[in-house]
Protein backbone atom coordinates (compact mmCIF):
# COMPACT_ATOMS: atom_id res chain seq x y z
CA MET A 1 38.98 -4.30 -0.18
CA SER A 2 37.27 -5.83 -2.84
CA THR A 3 40.75 -5.13 -4.94
CA LEU A 4 42.41 -6.47 -1.96
CA CYS A 5 40.04 -9.92 -1.48
CA GLY A 6 40.06 -10.33 -5.77
CA SER A 7 36.75 -10.31 -5.56
CA VAL A 8 33.80 -7.51 -5.37
CA ILE A 9 32.06 -8.05 -1.76
CA SER A 10 28.23 -8.46 -1.62
CA TRP A 11 25.91 -6.44 -0.96
CA TYR A 12 24.72 -9.09 1.83
CA SER A 13 28.45 -9.08 3.32
CA LEU A 14 28.05 -5.40 3.41
CA THR A 15 24.86 -5.07 4.96
CA VAL A 16 25.60 -7.34 7.87
CA ALA A 17 28.99 -5.26 8.08
CA VAL A 18 27.10 -2.33 9.18
CA ARG A 19 24.71 -3.49 10.97
CA LEU A 20 27.20 -5.24 13.22
CA MET A 21 28.97 -2.24 13.67
CA VAL A 22 25.93 -0.57 14.74
CA THR A 23 24.78 -3.48 17.00
CA VAL A 24 27.90 -2.92 18.91
CA LEU A 25 26.67 0.51 19.93
CA THR A 26 23.66 -0.26 21.06
CA LEU A 27 25.95 -1.70 24.30
CA ILE A 28 25.26 2.11 25.09
CA THR A 29 22.03 1.87 25.88
CA ASP A 30 22.17 -1.33 27.16
CA TYR A 31 24.50 0.33 29.76
CA ALA A 32 22.37 3.39 29.95
CA VAL A 33 19.11 1.15 30.95
CA MET A 34 20.53 -1.06 33.80
CA GLN A 35 22.27 2.32 35.53
CA LEU A 36 18.51 4.27 35.09
CA ALA A 37 17.15 0.70 36.85
CA ARG A 38 19.75 1.51 39.47
CA TRP A 39 19.32 4.83 39.64
CA LEU A 40 15.60 3.99 40.41
CA SER A 41 16.10 1.56 43.00
CA LYS A 42 14.93 -1.06 40.46
CA ASP A 43 15.76 -4.68 38.96
CA ALA A 44 18.28 -3.64 36.45
CA VAL A 45 18.51 -7.38 35.26
CA SER A 46 14.76 -7.29 34.43
CA ALA A 47 15.47 -3.78 32.66
CA ALA A 48 18.36 -4.97 30.45
CA VAL A 49 16.09 -8.32 29.24
CA VAL A 50 13.10 -5.83 28.67
CA MET A 51 15.67 -3.68 26.73
CA ALA A 52 16.92 -6.67 24.90
CA THR A 53 13.68 -8.18 24.44
CA SER A 54 12.27 -5.67 22.46
CA TYR A 55 11.67 -5.27 18.35
CA ILE A 56 13.06 -1.72 18.64
CA SER A 57 16.68 -3.26 19.39
CA ILE A 58 16.48 -5.90 17.36
CA ILE A 59 15.32 -4.07 14.37
CA TYR A 60 15.37 -0.02 14.62
CA TYR A 61 18.83 -0.32 16.59
CA THR A 62 20.73 -2.52 13.96
CA ARG A 63 19.71 -0.07 11.52
CA THR A 64 21.46 2.96 10.08
CA PHE A 65 18.77 5.61 10.95
CA SER A 66 19.64 8.55 12.07
CA ASN A 67 16.96 8.32 15.22
CA THR A 68 19.37 5.39 16.12
CA LEU A 69 22.03 7.37 16.62
CA GLU A 70 19.81 9.98 18.66
CA SER A 71 19.17 7.17 20.78
CA PHE A 72 22.30 6.08 21.12
CA LEU A 73 23.31 10.21 21.98
CA TYR A 74 20.41 10.22 24.20
CA ALA A 75 21.30 7.49 26.34
CA ALA A 76 24.91 8.65 26.62
CA LEU A 77 23.73 11.63 27.93
CA LEU A 78 21.07 10.48 30.66
CA CYS A 79 23.97 8.12 31.72
CA ILE A 80 26.50 11.31 32.28
CA VAL A 81 23.52 13.69 34.03
CA ILE A 82 22.24 11.03 36.64
CA ARG A 83 26.05 10.39 37.44
CA ARG A 84 27.25 14.18 37.64
CA SER A 85 24.16 16.13 38.62
CA HIS A 86 24.93 15.77 42.06
CA GLN A 87 28.70 16.17 42.24
CA GLN A 88 29.49 19.14 45.00
CA ARG A 89 31.30 21.05 41.93
CA ALA A 90 30.43 22.30 38.19
CA ASP A 91 33.74 20.54 36.34
CA ILE A 92 34.49 21.60 32.97
CA SER A 93 35.24 18.34 32.26
CA SER A 94 31.15 17.16 32.50
CA ALA A 95 30.11 20.32 30.57
CA ILE A 96 32.34 19.40 27.93
CA ILE A 97 30.60 15.93 27.66
CA VAL A 98 27.36 17.06 28.13
CA SER A 99 27.81 20.43 25.88
CA SER A 100 29.58 17.59 23.15
CA LEU A 101 26.56 15.30 23.27
CA ILE A 102 23.87 17.48 22.72
CA VAL A 103 25.72 19.51 19.85
CA VAL A 104 26.37 16.28 17.94
CA GLY A 105 22.81 15.18 18.63
CA VAL A 106 21.43 18.72 17.10
CA PHE A 107 23.75 18.37 13.88
CA ASN A 108 22.39 14.79 13.56
CA ARG A 109 18.98 15.42 13.96
CA PRO A 110 17.82 18.83 15.41
CA THR A 111 15.07 17.35 16.99
CA PHE A 112 17.26 16.09 19.63
CA ILE A 113 17.13 19.13 21.65
CA MET A 114 13.76 18.07 22.72
CA TYR A 115 15.10 14.85 24.06
CA ALA A 116 17.98 16.59 25.48
CA ALA A 117 16.09 19.82 26.94
CA VAL A 118 15.24 17.69 30.52
CA PRO A 119 18.22 16.21 31.53
CA TYR A 120 20.35 19.56 30.41
CA LEU A 121 18.08 21.50 32.34
CA TRP A 122 18.30 18.55 35.32
CA TRP A 123 21.85 18.76 35.13
CA LEU A 124 22.07 22.54 35.09
CA TYR A 125 20.18 22.85 38.07
CA SER A 126 20.96 19.84 40.37
CA ASP A 127 23.69 22.42 41.59
CA ALA A 128 23.27 26.10 43.62
CA VAL A 129 23.06 29.46 41.79
CA TYR A 130 26.67 29.87 41.59
CA GLY A 131 27.04 26.29 40.08
CA VAL A 132 23.88 27.39 37.25
CA VAL A 133 26.06 30.02 36.32
CA VAL A 134 29.50 27.92 35.79
CA LYS A 135 27.41 24.70 33.98
CA ALA A 136 26.08 27.14 31.96
CA THR A 137 29.16 29.35 31.07
CA HIS A 138 31.08 26.21 30.71
CA SER A 139 28.69 24.32 28.36
CA ALA A 140 27.84 27.29 25.85
CA LEU A 141 31.67 27.63 25.60
CA SER A 142 32.81 24.02 25.06
CA ALA A 143 29.76 24.01 22.44
CA VAL A 144 31.18 26.23 20.07
CA PRO A 145 34.20 24.71 19.08
CA VAL A 146 32.08 21.25 18.28
CA CYS A 147 29.79 23.34 16.17
CA LEU A 148 32.38 24.66 13.99
CA LEU A 149 33.97 21.50 13.52
CA LEU A 150 31.01 20.23 12.10
CA ILE A 151 30.00 23.03 10.07
CA VAL A 152 33.67 22.78 8.40
CA CYS A 153 33.05 18.98 7.81
CA ASP A 154 29.56 19.03 6.92
CA SER A 155 30.61 21.98 4.45
CA VAL A 156 34.07 19.73 2.96
CA TYR A 157 31.44 16.52 2.73
CA PHE A 158 29.10 18.48 0.94
CA GLY A 159 31.30 20.30 -1.41
CA TRP A 160 31.12 23.42 -0.34
CA ILE A 161 34.73 24.22 0.69
CA ASP A 162 37.54 22.55 -1.25
CA ILE A 163 40.38 22.73 1.28
CA GLY A 164 42.70 21.99 -1.58
CA ARG A 165 41.94 25.00 -2.72
CA LEU A 166 41.15 27.13 0.14
CA ASN A 167 43.49 30.53 0.82
CA ILE A 168 43.52 33.93 3.00
CA ALA A 169 42.23 36.15 -0.09
CA ASP A 170 38.72 34.18 0.05
CA LEU A 171 38.54 34.95 3.79
CA SER A 172 38.63 38.37 3.44
CA ASP A 173 35.12 38.86 3.53
CA ILE A 174 33.85 36.77 6.14
CA LEU A 175 29.62 37.42 5.77
CA THR A 176 30.36 36.86 2.34
CA PHE A 177 32.09 33.42 2.74
CA VAL A 178 30.03 32.30 5.86
CA THR A 179 26.56 32.78 3.32
CA CYS A 180 28.37 31.29 0.75
CA ASN A 181 30.54 28.46 1.32
CA LEU A 182 29.34 26.76 4.88
CA THR A 183 26.81 23.87 5.35
CA VAL A 184 24.79 24.28 8.70
CA THR A 185 22.89 20.74 8.36
CA PRO A 186 20.49 22.15 11.54
CA ILE A 187 19.27 25.39 10.09
CA ASN A 188 18.89 23.06 6.47
CA PHE A 189 16.86 20.60 8.34
CA ILE A 190 14.32 23.41 10.14
CA TRP A 191 14.12 25.21 6.46
CA TYR A 192 13.40 22.52 4.76
CA ASN A 193 10.65 21.02 7.57
CA THR A 194 8.86 24.65 8.34
CA GLN A 195 7.72 24.33 4.22
CA ALA A 196 4.00 22.69 4.64
CA ASP A 197 5.05 21.32 0.87
CA ASN A 198 7.84 19.24 1.86
CA LEU A 199 6.61 17.33 4.73
CA ALA A 200 3.37 16.80 2.41
CA GLU A 201 5.26 15.11 0.86
CA HIS A 202 6.33 12.65 3.56
CA GLY A 203 2.49 12.55 4.72
CA ILE A 204 0.85 14.26 6.92
CA HIS A 205 -0.51 13.20 10.66
CA PRO A 206 -3.08 14.11 13.10
CA ARG A 207 -1.19 15.74 16.37
CA PHE A 208 -2.09 12.65 18.29
CA THR A 209 -0.67 10.15 16.22
CA HIS A 210 2.13 9.87 18.46
CA PHE A 211 0.64 9.50 21.66
CA ALA A 212 -2.51 7.27 19.91
CA VAL A 213 -0.67 5.23 17.48
CA ASN A 214 3.26 5.31 17.47
CA PHE A 215 3.68 4.95 21.36
CA PRO A 216 1.70 1.72 22.02
CA LEU A 217 2.84 0.54 18.73
CA LEU A 218 6.61 0.82 19.40
CA PHE A 219 6.67 0.02 23.09
CA THR A 220 3.56 -2.21 23.41
CA VAL A 221 3.23 -3.13 27.21
CA LEU A 222 5.49 -0.53 28.01
CA SER A 223 3.13 2.12 27.28
CA LEU A 224 0.62 0.84 29.52
CA GLY A 225 2.39 1.74 32.71
CA PHE A 226 3.45 4.57 30.64
CA PHE A 227 -0.15 6.16 30.59
CA SER A 228 -1.22 4.89 33.43
CA ASP A 229 1.69 7.30 35.54
CA VAL A 230 0.60 9.98 33.03
CA PHE A 231 -2.81 9.75 34.02
CA ARG A 232 -1.82 9.72 37.85
CA TRP A 233 0.71 12.68 37.77
CA CYS A 234 -1.32 15.17 35.22
CA ARG A 235 -2.39 17.18 37.63
CA MET A 236 0.02 17.10 39.88
CA SER A 237 2.85 19.82 39.88
CA VAL A 238 6.44 19.00 38.77
CA ALA A 239 8.31 20.26 42.34
CA ARG A 240 11.94 22.36 40.98
CA CYS A 241 14.70 20.24 41.20
CA THR A 242 16.88 20.83 44.34
CA ALA A 243 20.50 20.16 45.40
CA GLY A 244 19.80 17.48 48.16
CA LYS A 245 19.24 14.30 47.41
CA GLN A 246 16.16 12.92 45.54
CA SER A 247 13.78 10.45 46.36
CA SER A 248 12.86 7.33 44.59
CA VAL A 249 9.54 9.00 43.21
CA SER A 250 11.01 12.31 41.91
CA ARG A 251 13.40 10.46 40.28
CA GLN A 252 10.82 8.41 38.42
CA ARG A 253 8.85 11.62 37.82
CA LEU A 254 12.06 12.77 36.53
CA LEU A 255 12.18 10.11 33.93
CA LEU A 256 8.45 10.30 32.85
CA ILE A 257 8.86 14.15 32.20
CA CYS A 258 11.77 12.95 29.89
CA CYS A 259 8.83 11.00 27.73
CA ILE A 260 6.22 13.40 27.82
CA ILE A 261 8.37 16.60 26.97
CA PRO A 262 10.17 15.13 23.52
CA THR A 263 6.68 13.56 22.97
CA GLY A 264 4.99 16.59 23.19
CA LEU A 265 6.94 18.63 21.31
CA LEU A 266 7.28 15.72 18.42
CA SER A 267 3.64 15.85 17.91
CA LEU A 268 3.11 19.67 17.16
CA PHE A 269 5.09 18.77 13.45
CA PRO A 270 2.48 17.05 11.42
CA HIS A 271 4.84 14.70 9.63
CA GLN A 272 4.84 11.71 12.75
CA GLU A 273 6.43 8.24 12.33
CA PRO A 274 7.20 5.75 14.87
CA ARG A 275 10.69 5.73 14.42
CA PHE A 276 10.53 9.86 15.70
CA LEU A 277 10.29 8.02 19.41
CA ILE A 278 12.39 4.78 19.63
CA PRO A 279 14.91 7.18 21.75
CA LEU A 280 12.61 6.63 24.70
CA LEU A 281 13.32 3.41 25.09
CA PRO A 282 15.78 2.74 27.64
CA VAL A 283 13.61 5.02 30.06
CA LEU A 284 10.77 3.18 29.59
CA ALA A 285 12.45 -0.08 29.86
CA ALA A 286 13.56 1.45 32.83
CA LEU A 287 10.52 2.81 34.68
CA TYR A 288 8.53 -0.42 33.47
CA ALA A 289 10.19 -3.42 33.39
CA ASP A 290 9.35 -4.67 36.66
CA GLU A 291 5.49 -4.55 35.17
CA VAL A 292 6.38 -6.34 32.26
CA THR A 293 8.29 -9.22 34.35
CA ALA A 294 5.50 -8.98 37.05
CA SER A 295 3.15 -11.75 35.82
CA ARG A 296 2.63 -14.32 32.82
CA PHE A 297 0.15 -12.84 31.05
CA THR A 298 2.11 -9.71 30.69
CA THR A 299 5.43 -11.67 30.05
CA ALA A 300 3.30 -13.55 27.36
CA LEU A 301 2.10 -10.13 25.79
CA TRP A 302 5.39 -8.72 25.59
CA ILE A 303 6.87 -11.66 23.83
CA ILE A 304 4.22 -11.86 21.30
CA THR A 305 3.85 -8.49 20.34
CA ASN A 306 7.59 -8.12 19.81
CA VAL A 307 8.18 -11.41 17.90
CA CYS A 308 5.36 -10.23 15.86
CA GLY A 309 6.92 -6.63 15.43
CA CYS A 310 10.10 -8.14 14.88
CA LEU A 311 8.55 -10.32 11.60
CA PHE A 312 6.81 -7.65 10.31
CA TYR A 313 9.63 -4.26 10.53
CA GLY A 314 12.66 -6.95 10.20
CA SER A 315 11.41 -9.21 7.12
CA VAL A 316 7.84 -8.23 5.41
CA HIS A 317 7.60 -4.37 5.91
CA GLN A 318 9.37 -3.68 2.58
CA GLY A 319 12.00 -6.36 2.75
CA GLY A 320 12.12 -6.52 -1.32
CA VAL A 321 14.27 -3.58 -1.71
CA LEU A 322 18.10 -5.33 -0.13
CA PRO A 323 17.29 -8.24 -2.63
CA CYS A 324 16.20 -6.27 -5.25
CA LEU A 325 19.71 -3.95 -5.47
CA GLY A 326 21.26 -7.66 -4.74
CA HIS A 327 20.44 -8.82 -7.76
CA LEU A 328 20.87 -5.99 -9.95
CA GLN A 329 24.43 -5.97 -8.54
CA GLN A 330 24.82 -9.43 -9.35
CA THR A 331 23.44 -8.63 -12.80
CA HIS A 332 25.56 -5.35 -13.54
CA SER A 333 26.04 -5.23 -17.44
CA TYR A 334 29.37 -3.70 -18.84
CA THR A 335 27.86 -2.65 -22.08
CA VAL A 336 24.83 -0.96 -21.62
CA ASP A 337 24.10 1.99 -19.24
CA ARG A 338 21.15 1.38 -16.61
CA HIS A 339 18.67 3.48 -15.31
CA VAL A 340 16.56 1.88 -12.11
CA VAL A 341 13.55 3.36 -11.13
CA PHE A 342 12.53 2.99 -7.62
CA TRP A 343 8.84 3.75 -7.12
CA HIS A 344 6.48 3.98 -3.84
CA THR A 345 9.65 2.26 -1.96
CA TYR A 346 11.82 3.89 0.95
CA THR A 347 15.02 5.57 -0.48
CA ALA A 348 17.29 2.82 -2.38
CA PRO A 349 20.69 2.95 -0.60
CA GLN A 350 22.80 2.72 -3.82
CA HIS A 351 26.29 1.84 -1.86
CA LEU A 352 24.85 -1.61 -1.75
CA LEU A 353 25.35 -2.31 -5.80
CA VAL A 354 29.03 -1.56 -4.78
CA LEU A 355 29.50 -1.63 -9.02
CA PRO A 356 33.00 -3.47 -10.05
CA GLN A 357 35.71 -1.96 -11.42
CA LEU A 358 36.05 -2.24 -15.05
CA LYS A 359 38.10 -5.17 -16.82
CA PRO A 360 40.28 -3.83 -19.40
CA GLY A 361 38.72 -3.61 -22.95
CA HIS A 362 34.96 -3.01 -22.20
CA THR A 363 33.85 0.13 -22.33
CA ARG A 364 32.87 2.62 -19.47
CA THR A 365 29.46 2.19 -18.49
CA SER A 366 26.87 3.88 -16.18
CA THR A 367 24.70 2.84 -13.57
CA SER A 368 21.87 5.14 -12.02
CA VAL A 369 19.22 4.70 -9.21
CA THR A 370 16.38 7.13 -8.37
CA SER A 371 13.91 7.03 -5.76
CA LEU A 372 10.40 8.24 -6.97
CA GLU A 373 9.21 7.30 -3.32
CA GLY A 374 5.76 8.83 -3.20
CA ASN A 375 5.51 10.59 -6.05
CA SER A 376 2.22 10.25 -8.10
CA VAL A 377 1.68 7.57 -11.67
CA GLU A 378 1.68 11.30 -13.56
CA ASP A 379 5.18 12.17 -12.11
CA PHE A 380 6.39 8.35 -12.47
CA ILE A 381 5.71 8.12 -16.15
CA ARG A 382 7.10 11.41 -16.78
CA HIS A 383 10.41 10.58 -15.21
CA LEU A 384 10.07 7.41 -17.77
CA THR A 385 9.31 9.63 -20.61
CA LEU A 386 12.34 12.01 -19.44
CA ILE A 387 15.09 9.22 -19.32
CA ASN A 388 14.13 8.15 -23.07
CA SER A 389 14.39 11.21 -24.93
CA THR A 390 17.37 12.37 -22.84
CA GLU A 391 19.85 8.97 -23.32
CA SER A 392 18.22 8.77 -26.78
CA SER A 393 19.82 12.16 -27.88
CA ARG A 394 23.27 11.39 -25.75
CA ARG A 395 23.93 7.64 -27.37
CA PRO A 396 23.22 5.79 -30.17
CA GLU A 397 22.25 2.31 -28.37
CA LYS A 398 19.19 2.49 -26.06
CA PRO A 399 19.97 2.18 -22.25
CA GLU A 400 18.33 -0.62 -19.83
CA VAL A 401 15.30 1.06 -18.09
CA MET A 402 13.79 -0.71 -15.11
CA VAL A 403 11.45 -0.36 -12.51
CA ALA A 404 11.17 -1.54 -9.44
CA MET A 405 7.66 -1.33 -7.21
CA PRO A 406 5.12 -2.80 -5.01
CA SER A 407 3.09 -5.39 -7.32
CA SER A 408 0.09 -4.23 -5.43
CA HIS A 409 -0.98 -1.98 -8.07
CA HIS A 410 0.66 -3.94 -10.73
CA HIS A 411 -2.47 -4.22 -12.72
CA ASP A 412 -3.70 -0.55 -12.96
CA LEU A 413 0.34 0.51 -13.47
CA VAL A 414 0.66 -2.00 -16.78
CA CYS A 415 -2.42 -0.14 -18.23
CA LYS A 416 -1.36 3.30 -17.68
CA THR A 417 1.84 3.05 -18.97
CA ALA A 418 0.82 1.31 -21.73
CA ASP A 419 -1.64 4.27 -22.40
CA ALA A 420 1.28 6.76 -22.70
CA GLY A 421 3.36 4.19 -24.66
CA ILE A 422 5.73 2.75 -22.16
CA ARG A 423 5.46 -1.26 -21.88
CA LEU A 424 6.23 -2.72 -17.98
CA ASP A 425 7.31 -6.72 -18.91
CA GLN A 426 7.85 -8.30 -14.95
CA TYR A 427 11.42 -9.41 -14.89
CA GLN A 428 11.94 -10.71 -11.23
CA SER A 429 10.10 -10.62 -7.88
CA PHE A 430 11.13 -10.42 -4.57
CA TRP A 431 8.70 -11.66 -1.64
CA PRO A 432 7.94 -10.67 0.91
CA HIS A 433 7.53 -7.23 0.42
CA LEU A 434 4.74 -4.99 1.64
CA SER A 435 4.29 -1.44 1.54
CA THR A 436 1.81 -0.06 4.14
CA GLU A 437 1.17 3.25 2.42
CA HIS A 438 -0.10 0.92 -0.95
CA PRO A 439 -1.09 -2.55 0.73
CA PRO A 440 -2.86 -4.51 -1.88
CA ARG A 441 -6.50 -4.31 -2.09
CA ILE A 442 -9.21 -6.62 -1.10
CA ASP A 443 -10.87 -6.57 -4.48
CA ASP A 444 -7.59 -7.52 -6.10
CA ILE A 445 -7.11 -10.42 -3.40
CA LEU A 446 -10.40 -11.71 -4.06
CA CYS A 447 -10.48 -10.95 -7.86
CA HIS A 448 -13.85 -9.26 -7.76
CA VAL A 449 -12.61 -6.85 -10.23
CA SER A 450 -11.79 -7.96 -13.77
CA VAL A 451 -8.66 -8.00 -14.77
CA GLY A 452 -7.51 -6.96 -18.14
CA ASN A 453 -4.42 -7.36 -20.50
CA CYS A 454 -3.11 -3.58 -21.96
CA HIS A 455 -0.86 -5.56 -24.62
CA THR A 456 -0.50 -9.01 -25.64
CA ASP A 457 2.19 -10.80 -25.43
CA ALA A 458 3.32 -14.88 -24.88
CA ASP A 459 5.04 -13.28 -21.57
CA ASN A 460 2.18 -11.70 -20.11
CA ASN A 461 0.49 -13.45 -17.42
CA ASP A 462 -1.93 -10.89 -16.31
CA SER A 463 -4.80 -12.89 -17.74
CA ASP A 464 -4.10 -16.47 -15.59
CA PHE A 465 -3.97 -14.16 -12.65
CA CYS A 466 -7.28 -15.14 -11.25
CA ASN A 467 -6.55 -18.57 -12.09
CA LYS A 468 -4.42 -18.66 -8.98
CA SER A 469 -4.82 -19.31 -5.65
CA LEU A 470 -5.45 -17.51 -3.06
CA ILE A 471 -1.97 -18.30 -1.37
CA GLU A 472 -0.37 -17.50 -5.08
CA ARG A 473 -2.42 -14.24 -5.36
CA ILE A 474 -1.54 -12.94 -1.86
CA GLN A 475 2.39 -13.98 -2.47
CA PHE A 476 2.10 -12.18 -5.82
CA LEU A 477 0.61 -8.75 -4.05
CA THR A 478 2.69 -8.55 -1.44
CA SER A 479 6.00 -8.40 -3.61
CA LEU A 480 8.64 -6.03 -4.78
CA SER A 481 8.52 -6.11 -8.52
CA LEU A 482 11.23 -5.39 -10.59
CA TYR A 483 10.26 -4.73 -14.72
CA ARG A 484 12.33 -4.23 -17.66
CA VAL A 485 10.61 -0.80 -19.66
CA THR A 486 10.63 -0.84 -23.16
CA PHE A 487 9.05 2.17 -25.49
CA LEU A 488 6.85 1.55 -27.63
């Protein structure tokens, strides 16, 4: 597209294009919440309005999270189940659709099975015993070709299978071929997450985090209705689903179980992020939208909490990464290699650099992006030292090394890197950017601790930090800083 247009597509245009494409898919959740509300004999318009004004829809459902795709697949599965669970016969088309949605959801995120369990069992047991056997058989047989197709696609994508060089002789030993050449994404996901060390890198949380923190944080007023119903129904046994027509009370109980079971199962894992629960929004909006719009107080509370959520998660929280990548794209160099290290940020999306094609006469240079995420200071310094030693032996000209990180620990890091023979000079700053894992310290904001220079330089203004106003200090400490690295 850049070649056809005659100019490089900007990072901003690419970001907007991708988000618009995801936003179109949110029509699935809009349709689902209205269908669920009608199924419960509730106001579909109120449910749609609550769904649309939630900051989850505005922020999470417009980003390319795997949890976002999980939400769309879960909403589609719920729609299929409630429409086809009471058909007179077990048709194969329903089995194909249900099993395909579940398989794709599991390959996207294996935790999808926790969301799909209740709807699938409801669909399976909503008919006679004969219907259960037929549905289970049809869905199992339908899942096999979808699984094989996705395994082959993943294996080709990750480079384990070269379609151009594949021949019959390679298939002679099926066992060796399967173990050495196929990529089964769900198994890799499960294997990775069963290792305690891997989870520790992403953060260990108490088992009650989803219920006590993430649920109220995500769903605000909707969570009040949820916890009220949980308290009301916690001591009541769940009636077995029958083939007859279900009352609105049992339907509401079913959807309540669709929230309790996934949240409870996800709480078994020590790593618990709020985004893991975002597929529940359509269910909660259908259940409790009437309570949100019941009074001016609850409506005002809903609006205020979601406006705050939009501002924080849509602008402030880690908001400097994309503008930083845009700046790196616009300042790309054709003369020297560039190494960019992102530290204490989420994994930087490298496709936004959209590096332009080389012009005739220019030497080919490379740009590499490394995300160290939550690594320690020692690992950070070790990585910079490795870049210096490796590139010094490879090319005579020195590469351009840059570091992007939150400014909240600027002063300590400058001193620690100086002790290791590495100098960091602030080159650019991107505001706002706040990392909840590494927030600014109160002592730094109020300048209660002495700030010293680790090296003297006319461009270094660390000694003037305390002379800045309070607003300027807060702005500095809530920014993403881009540094030039000099090896002393």
